[in-house]
Amino acid sequence: MHVHTPLVSVVDDDASTRMHVERLTASIGFRCRGFASAEEFRLKGDPKTPGCIVLDVCMPGQSGLELQSQLNDAGFHAPIIFLTAFGDVPMAVHAIKAGAADFLTKPCHNDELLAAIRAAVAADRSTRDQSQRAEQLRERFHALTARQRQVMALLVKGHLNKQIAGHLKISAVTVKFHRRQVMERMGASSLVDLVRMAELLFPS
C-alpha cells in the first residue's frame, strides 16, 4: 500500500485481536500495524502518522488509558478508539473526556468497528487539513505590516472604515488602502472569508 494510505495502529496484547483488526482494515484499503503492548508502541510506533489508534485498556505493563495520557501530554492527538473486554461506564467516560474518538467493547461487530475506524480517520484528516490551513494563514498574517495587522484586527471585529480611521488616527483613504492590502495578502475573497481566517488564527 502507498505510504500516504492511513495507518491503523492496533495496540493489544491479544494476537488474535491484532490479526482480526488488520484483516478488517485491509478490507477497506487502510494499512495496519500491530503492537503487543503500550511500551512497544512507544518504542516503535509513530503517532504522527495519519490514521488512528485502536487501543486496548487492560494490558500487561502500561494500560491503554496511561498511554493515551502520555500521548496527550506529548502533544500527539491521533484519534484513539478503545476496544476492550473489560470496559465500564466510568472508564469510558474518562477515555472520552481525555479525547478518545470512541469506546467499544469486545466482542464488537465488524461493521461497528469499521465505522468507528472510518470516522476516526476522517476526523484525523480534517484536523490535519485544518492545521495545515492555519499554518498557511499564520505565514500570511506574519507577512503583514504592523499597521495592516491593526486594520485586520478591527475589520474582523466589525468596525467600519471610518471607525477604524478614527481609532488609528489615520485617514479613511489610508484605511481603504490597508484594507485592500490585507485582503490581497491574506487571500481573502470577502470580509466573511477574512473573519473565518481570523477564527482559525485566533480561536477563542
Protein backbone atom coordinates (compact mmCIF):
# COMPACT_ATOMS: atom_id res chain seq x y z
CA MET A 1 0.00 0.00 0.00
CA HIS A 2 1.04 3.60 -0.55
CA VAL A 3 2.91 5.31 2.29
CA HIS A 4 0.21 8.03 2.42
CA THR A 5 -2.55 5.46 2.99
CA PRO A 6 -3.97 5.95 6.53
CA LEU A 7 -2.33 3.73 9.13
CA VAL A 8 -4.35 1.98 11.83
CA SER A 9 -2.10 1.12 14.78
CA VAL A 10 -3.52 -1.70 16.91
CA VAL A 11 -2.18 -1.85 20.46
CA ASP A 12 -3.45 -5.02 22.11
CA ASP A 13 -1.75 -7.89 23.93
CA ASP A 14 -4.15 -10.35 22.26
CA ALA A 15 -2.56 -11.51 18.98
CA SER A 16 -5.91 -12.71 17.59
CA THR A 17 -7.40 -9.23 18.05
CA ARG A 18 -4.46 -7.63 16.28
CA MET A 19 -4.78 -10.04 13.34
CA HIS A 20 -8.55 -9.55 13.16
CA VAL A 21 -8.30 -5.75 13.07
CA GLU A 22 -5.52 -6.00 10.47
CA ARG A 23 -7.74 -8.08 8.18
CA LEU A 24 -10.65 -5.68 8.63
CA THR A 25 -8.64 -2.55 7.92
CA ALA A 26 -7.05 -4.14 4.86
CA SER A 27 -10.56 -4.81 3.53
CA ILE A 28 -11.23 -1.05 3.36
CA GLY A 29 -7.83 -0.16 1.95
CA PHE A 30 -6.05 1.02 5.10
CA ARG A 31 -2.65 -0.05 6.35
CA CYS A 32 -2.42 -1.70 9.76
CA ARG A 33 0.40 -2.35 12.20
CA GLY A 34 0.12 -4.30 15.44
CA PHE A 35 1.80 -3.73 18.80
CA ALA A 36 1.60 -6.18 21.70
CA SER A 37 1.91 -3.53 24.41
CA ALA A 38 1.84 0.18 25.10
CA GLU A 39 5.58 0.04 25.67
CA GLU A 40 6.16 -1.47 22.22
CA PHE A 41 4.04 1.23 20.62
CA ARG A 42 6.01 3.96 22.40
CA LEU A 43 9.26 2.42 21.13
CA LYS A 44 8.26 1.50 17.57
CA GLY A 45 5.01 3.30 16.78
CA ASP A 46 4.61 6.69 15.14
CA PRO A 47 1.63 8.67 16.49
CA LYS A 48 2.38 11.44 13.96
CA THR A 49 1.37 9.19 11.05
CA PRO A 50 -2.09 9.99 9.59
CA GLY A 51 -4.70 7.46 10.68
CA CYS A 52 -5.88 6.30 14.10
CA ILE A 53 -5.05 4.02 17.02
CA VAL A 54 -7.14 1.04 18.13
CA LEU A 55 -6.18 0.59 21.77
CA ASP A 56 -6.93 -1.98 24.45
CA VAL A 57 -7.43 -0.73 28.00
CA CYS A 58 -6.14 -3.58 30.15
CA MET A 59 -2.73 -4.91 29.09
CA PRO A 60 0.32 -6.21 30.94
CA GLY A 61 2.50 -3.27 31.91
CA GLN A 62 1.19 0.13 30.95
CA SER A 63 -2.57 0.43 30.42
CA GLY A 64 -4.24 1.93 27.38
CA LEU A 65 -5.51 4.87 29.44
CA GLU A 66 -1.97 5.59 30.62
CA LEU A 67 -0.71 5.51 27.03
CA GLN A 68 -3.49 7.89 26.00
CA SER A 69 -2.45 10.29 28.76
CA GLN A 70 1.20 10.13 27.70
CA LEU A 71 0.35 10.80 24.06
CA ASN A 72 -1.80 13.78 25.07
CA ASP A 73 0.99 15.17 27.25
CA ALA A 74 3.44 14.81 24.35
CA GLY A 75 1.13 16.75 22.04
CA PHE A 76 0.08 13.80 19.88
CA HIS A 77 -3.64 13.81 19.19
CA ALA A 78 -4.17 10.88 16.84
CA PRO A 79 -7.77 9.65 17.23
CA ILE A 80 -7.95 6.72 19.64
CA ILE A 81 -10.60 4.00 19.52
CA PHE A 82 -10.64 1.97 22.70
CA LEU A 83 -11.53 -1.69 22.14
CA THR A 84 -11.68 -3.71 25.34
CA ALA A 85 -13.37 -6.65 27.01
CA PHE A 86 -13.14 -5.07 30.45
CA GLY A 87 -14.71 -1.66 29.97
CA ASP A 88 -17.26 0.01 32.21
CA VAL A 89 -19.10 3.33 32.13
CA PRO A 90 -16.66 5.32 34.34
CA MET A 91 -13.74 4.05 32.27
CA ALA A 92 -15.48 5.00 29.02
CA VAL A 93 -16.34 8.47 30.34
CA HIS A 94 -12.73 9.00 31.41
CA ALA A 95 -11.42 7.94 27.99
CA ILE A 96 -13.87 10.12 26.05
CA LYS A 97 -13.19 13.15 28.24
CA ALA A 98 -9.48 12.65 27.54
CA GLY A 99 -10.20 12.85 23.82
CA ALA A 100 -10.91 9.28 22.69
CA ALA A 101 -12.79 9.05 19.40
CA ASP A 102 -14.81 6.01 20.53
CA PHE A 103 -15.04 3.33 23.21
CA LEU A 104 -16.11 -0.14 22.06
CA THR A 105 -16.43 -3.38 23.99
CA LYS A 106 -15.44 -6.85 22.82
CA PRO A 107 -16.90 -8.73 21.11
CA CYS A 108 -17.53 -5.89 18.68
CA HIS A 109 -19.44 -6.26 15.42
CA ASN A 110 -17.19 -5.80 12.39
CA ASP A 111 -19.40 -3.10 10.90
CA GLU A 112 -19.34 -1.13 14.15
CA LEU A 113 -15.55 -1.26 14.37
CA LEU A 114 -15.09 -0.36 10.70
CA ALA A 115 -17.48 2.58 11.07
CA ALA A 116 -15.50 3.81 14.08
CA ILE A 117 -12.20 3.46 12.19
CA ARG A 118 -13.55 5.30 9.14
CA ALA A 119 -14.89 8.10 11.33
CA ALA A 120 -11.62 8.39 13.26
CA VAL A 121 -9.52 8.51 10.09
CA ALA A 122 -11.84 11.13 8.58
CA ALA A 123 -11.60 13.23 11.75
CA ASP A 124 -7.81 12.94 11.71
CA ARG A 125 -7.69 14.03 8.07
CA SER A 126 -9.92 17.02 8.82
CA THR A 127 -7.79 18.04 11.80
CA ARG A 128 -4.59 17.80 9.77
CA ASP A 129 -6.09 19.78 6.89
CA GLN A 130 -7.23 22.48 9.31
CA SER A 131 -3.80 22.60 10.97
CA GLN A 132 -2.11 22.96 7.59
CA ARG A 133 -4.56 25.70 6.63
CA ALA A 134 -3.91 27.51 9.91
CA GLU A 135 -0.15 27.32 9.36
CA GLN A 136 -0.51 28.84 5.89
CA LEU A 137 -2.64 31.64 7.33
CA ARG A 138 -0.10 32.30 10.09
CA GLU A 139 2.61 32.74 7.46
CA ARG A 140 0.44 35.21 5.55
CA PHE A 141 -0.51 37.06 8.73
CA HIS A 142 3.11 37.45 9.82
CA ALA A 143 3.93 38.86 6.38
CA LEU A 144 1.54 41.77 7.02
CA THR A 145 2.89 45.06 8.30
CA ALA A 146 2.09 46.14 11.85
CA ARG A 147 -0.46 48.65 10.55
CA GLN A 148 -2.12 46.06 8.33
CA ARG A 149 -2.49 43.74 11.32
CA GLN A 150 -4.14 46.55 13.27
CA VAL A 151 -6.57 47.20 10.42
CA MET A 152 -7.33 43.49 10.08
CA ALA A 153 -7.99 43.13 13.82
CA LEU A 154 -10.55 45.92 13.70
CA LEU A 155 -12.10 44.74 10.44
CA VAL A 156 -12.88 41.27 11.75
CA LYS A 157 -14.49 42.83 14.83
CA GLY A 158 -16.99 44.54 12.54
CA HIS A 159 -15.60 48.08 12.55
CA LEU A 160 -16.36 50.31 9.57
CA ASN A 161 -13.64 52.14 7.65
CA LYS A 162 -14.47 55.47 9.33
CA GLN A 163 -14.37 53.85 12.77
CA ILE A 164 -11.01 52.27 12.02
CA ALA A 165 -9.68 55.60 10.77
CA GLY A 166 -10.75 57.31 13.98
CA HIS A 167 -9.36 54.56 16.18
CA LEU A 168 -5.97 54.51 14.45
CA LYS A 169 -5.93 58.26 13.78
CA ILE A 170 -5.39 57.84 10.05
CA SER A 171 -7.47 58.88 7.04
CA ALA A 172 -10.29 56.78 5.61
CA VAL A 173 -8.39 56.66 2.32
CA THR A 174 -5.40 55.11 4.12
CA VAL A 175 -7.70 52.59 5.78
CA LYS A 176 -9.10 51.58 2.39
CA PHE A 177 -5.57 51.11 1.07
CA HIS A 178 -4.55 48.92 4.02
CA ARG A 179 -7.82 47.02 3.84
CA ARG A 180 -7.21 46.17 0.20
CA GLN A 181 -3.65 45.07 1.01
CA VAL A 182 -4.87 42.88 3.88
CA MET A 183 -7.46 41.17 1.69
CA GLU A 184 -4.92 40.51 -1.07
CA ARG A 185 -2.10 39.30 1.17
CA MET A 186 -4.36 37.05 3.24
CA GLY A 187 -6.02 35.67 0.11
CA ALA A 188 -9.49 36.59 1.38
CA SER A 189 -12.26 36.86 -1.20
CA SER A 190 -14.61 38.72 1.14
CA LEU A 191 -14.87 40.15 4.64
CA VAL A 192 -16.70 36.99 5.72
CA ASP A 193 -13.75 34.96 4.42
CA LEU A 194 -11.35 37.17 6.39
CA VAL A 195 -13.39 36.70 9.58
CA ARG A 196 -13.21 32.92 9.14
CA MET A 197 -9.46 33.17 8.69
CA ALA A 198 -9.19 35.16 11.91
CA GLU A 199 -11.19 32.48 13.73
CA LEU A 200 -8.68 29.87 12.59
CA LEU A 201 -5.73 32.07 13.51
CA PHE A 202 -7.05 33.13 16.89
CA PRO A 203 -9.53 30.52 18.18
CA SER A 204 -11.41 31.72 21.23
